[in-house]
Amino acid sequence: MKNFRSGLLLCLLLCATAGCDRVTKHLAAATLAGMPGQSFLGDTVRLRYHENPGGFLSTGAEWHSTTRFAVFQVASALFLIAGFAVAVRYQWSRLGGVGITLFLGGALSNWIDRVSFGTVIDFLNIGIGPLRTGVFNVADVAILTGIGILFWEVRRNSYIPAVSTRRG
């Protein structure tokens, strides 16, 4: 029963992650497309509509459309299937389960955009002065947060204290 409840909660987190991203992208398309960028908190946060045909930070945006299709739709679909298989088969800690779920939820939402529209809607930019991030979306935040949690879990669980060799 505990595994069922944990699985159900992780499925809800997956749906919430992808759903939140879908809603924010819809709002960005409805309110930011064709409009000048907006700035908040002393220009720390900028909102600007951008359709990204590439991957992270527009990597591959200039590739031929066939190459982009093969990498960002076909290979990403295979990667998502493998990710879901790993998520189901591996015995995750609670935090690790949250990490893999955030990662998969964000990746799934971006993949849905790529299949449906051929691009991903990005609209957030954060920074101070000339130090700025690239333009990103909520799915990217979920992906990077999930990766960060997974790295934390791997580091935490693989730490083995040194064995004392002192004899006394």
Foldseek 3Di string as FASTA:
>chain_A
DVVVVLVVVLVVLLCVLLVVQVVVLVVCCVPAVPHDWDADDQNQKIWHKDWALADALNVPSPPDLVVSCCVLAVVLVVVLVVLVVCLVPDDDDSLLSQLSSLQSSLSVNQNVCCVPPSTGIFTIKGDDDPDIDRTHTSSVVSNVSSVVSNVVVCVVVVDDDDDDPDDD
